[in-house]
Amino acid sequence: MPTDTDGARSRAEAKFKKQQEQAREGAKARNEYEQKAQSVVERTARLRAERLAREAVAANVPAEPVAKKSARTKKAKTIPGGKLNAANDV
């Protein structure tokens, strides 16, 4: 004949098992979080090293000379009908 203590014991055991499962899941989630954080730190360090290397190479390479734009000559403006401006007719 089951007594009230058997029911209390089964509820306590179920609660204990649930807490144990939550603790395992929490530890697993914490490990995943720490692994992701470590991978971010490693990736950031790698990318920073690559950027610094690119900048060092760029600092040692002389810049290519920029071609100067040639001066444009002004063209005579025409008015509708194909005639030149009065200033150019003189």
Protein backbone atom coordinates (compact mmCIF):
# COMPACT_ATOMS: atom_id res chain seq x y z
CA MET A 1 0.00 0.00 0.00
CA PRO A 2 1.67 3.27 -1.16
CA THR A 3 1.91 6.00 1.35
CA ASP A 4 2.16 9.74 0.98
CA THR A 5 5.91 9.51 1.48
CA ASP A 6 6.25 7.42 -1.69
CA GLY A 7 4.58 10.21 -3.70
CA ALA A 8 6.77 12.83 -2.08
CA ARG A 9 9.84 10.77 -2.77
CA SER A 10 8.96 10.30 -6.46
CA ARG A 11 8.30 14.04 -6.83
CA ALA A 12 11.61 14.84 -5.13
CA GLU A 13 13.46 12.41 -7.41
CA ALA A 14 11.81 13.90 -10.52
CA LYS A 15 12.74 17.39 -9.35
CA PHE A 16 16.31 16.27 -8.70
CA LYS A 17 16.60 14.67 -12.15
CA LYS A 18 15.25 17.83 -13.77
CA GLN A 19 17.78 19.97 -11.89
CA GLN A 20 20.61 17.63 -12.90
CA GLU A 21 19.54 17.81 -16.56
CA GLN A 22 19.37 21.61 -16.40
CA ALA A 23 22.85 21.71 -14.87
CA ARG A 24 24.23 19.53 -17.69
CA GLU A 25 22.54 21.67 -20.33
CA GLY A 26 23.85 24.82 -18.66
CA ALA A 27 27.40 23.49 -18.65
CA LYS A 28 27.08 22.50 -22.30
CA ALA A 29 25.74 25.94 -23.24
CA ARG A 30 28.54 27.63 -21.28
CA ASN A 31 31.16 25.54 -23.09
CA GLU A 32 29.65 26.42 -26.48
CA TYR A 33 29.59 30.11 -25.54
CA GLU A 34 33.22 30.03 -24.43
CA GLN A 35 34.29 28.22 -27.61
CA LYS A 36 32.53 30.81 -29.78
CA ALA A 37 34.08 33.65 -27.81
CA GLN A 38 37.53 32.07 -28.20
CA SER A 39 37.04 31.67 -31.94
CA VAL A 40 36.07 35.35 -32.20
CA VAL A 41 39.24 36.34 -30.34
CA GLU A 42 41.39 34.14 -32.59
CA ARG A 43 39.71 35.39 -35.79
CA THR A 44 40.10 39.00 -34.68
CA ALA A 45 43.80 38.46 -33.97
CA ARG A 46 44.31 36.79 -37.36
CA LEU A 47 42.50 39.55 -39.24
CA ARG A 48 44.40 42.23 -37.35
CA ALA A 49 47.72 40.59 -38.22
CA GLU A 50 46.69 40.41 -41.89
CA ARG A 51 45.65 44.08 -41.87
CA LEU A 52 48.90 45.17 -40.24
CA ALA A 53 50.88 43.16 -42.79
CA ARG A 54 48.98 44.77 -45.67
CA GLU A 55 49.56 48.21 -44.21
CA ALA A 56 53.29 47.50 -43.75
CA VAL A 57 53.58 46.39 -47.38
CA ALA A 58 51.62 49.41 -48.56
CA ALA A 59 53.87 51.75 -46.55
CA ASN A 60 57.01 50.31 -48.19
CA VAL A 61 55.71 50.47 -51.77
CA PRO A 62 56.02 53.96 -53.28
CA ALA A 63 52.78 55.35 -54.55
CA GLU A 64 52.28 55.35 -58.31
CA PRO A 65 52.46 58.85 -59.78
CA VAL A 66 49.08 60.25 -60.63
CA ALA A 67 48.76 61.52 -64.19
CA LYS A 68 47.99 65.21 -64.28
CA LYS A 69 44.88 66.30 -66.06
CA SER A 70 45.57 68.38 -69.13
CA ALA A 71 44.21 71.88 -69.26
CA ARG A 72 41.17 72.11 -71.46
CA THR A 73 40.83 74.84 -74.00
CA LYS A 74 37.59 76.72 -74.12
CA LYS A 75 35.49 76.11 -77.16
CA ALA A 76 33.43 78.83 -78.73
CA LYS A 77 29.86 78.58 -77.62
CA THR A 78 27.24 78.42 -80.29
CA ILE A 79 23.72 79.63 -80.09
CA PRO A 80 20.79 77.90 -81.69
CA GLY A 81 20.98 78.33 -85.43
CA GLY A 82 24.68 77.55 -85.55
CA LYS A 83 25.97 81.11 -85.14
CA LEU A 84 28.85 81.91 -82.86
CA ASN A 85 28.58 84.14 -79.83
CA ALA A 86 28.91 87.85 -80.42
CA ALA A 87 32.10 87.86 -78.37
CA ASN A 88 33.73 85.51 -80.87
CA ASP A 89 32.50 87.37 -83.98
CA VAL A 90 34.83 90.35 -83.54
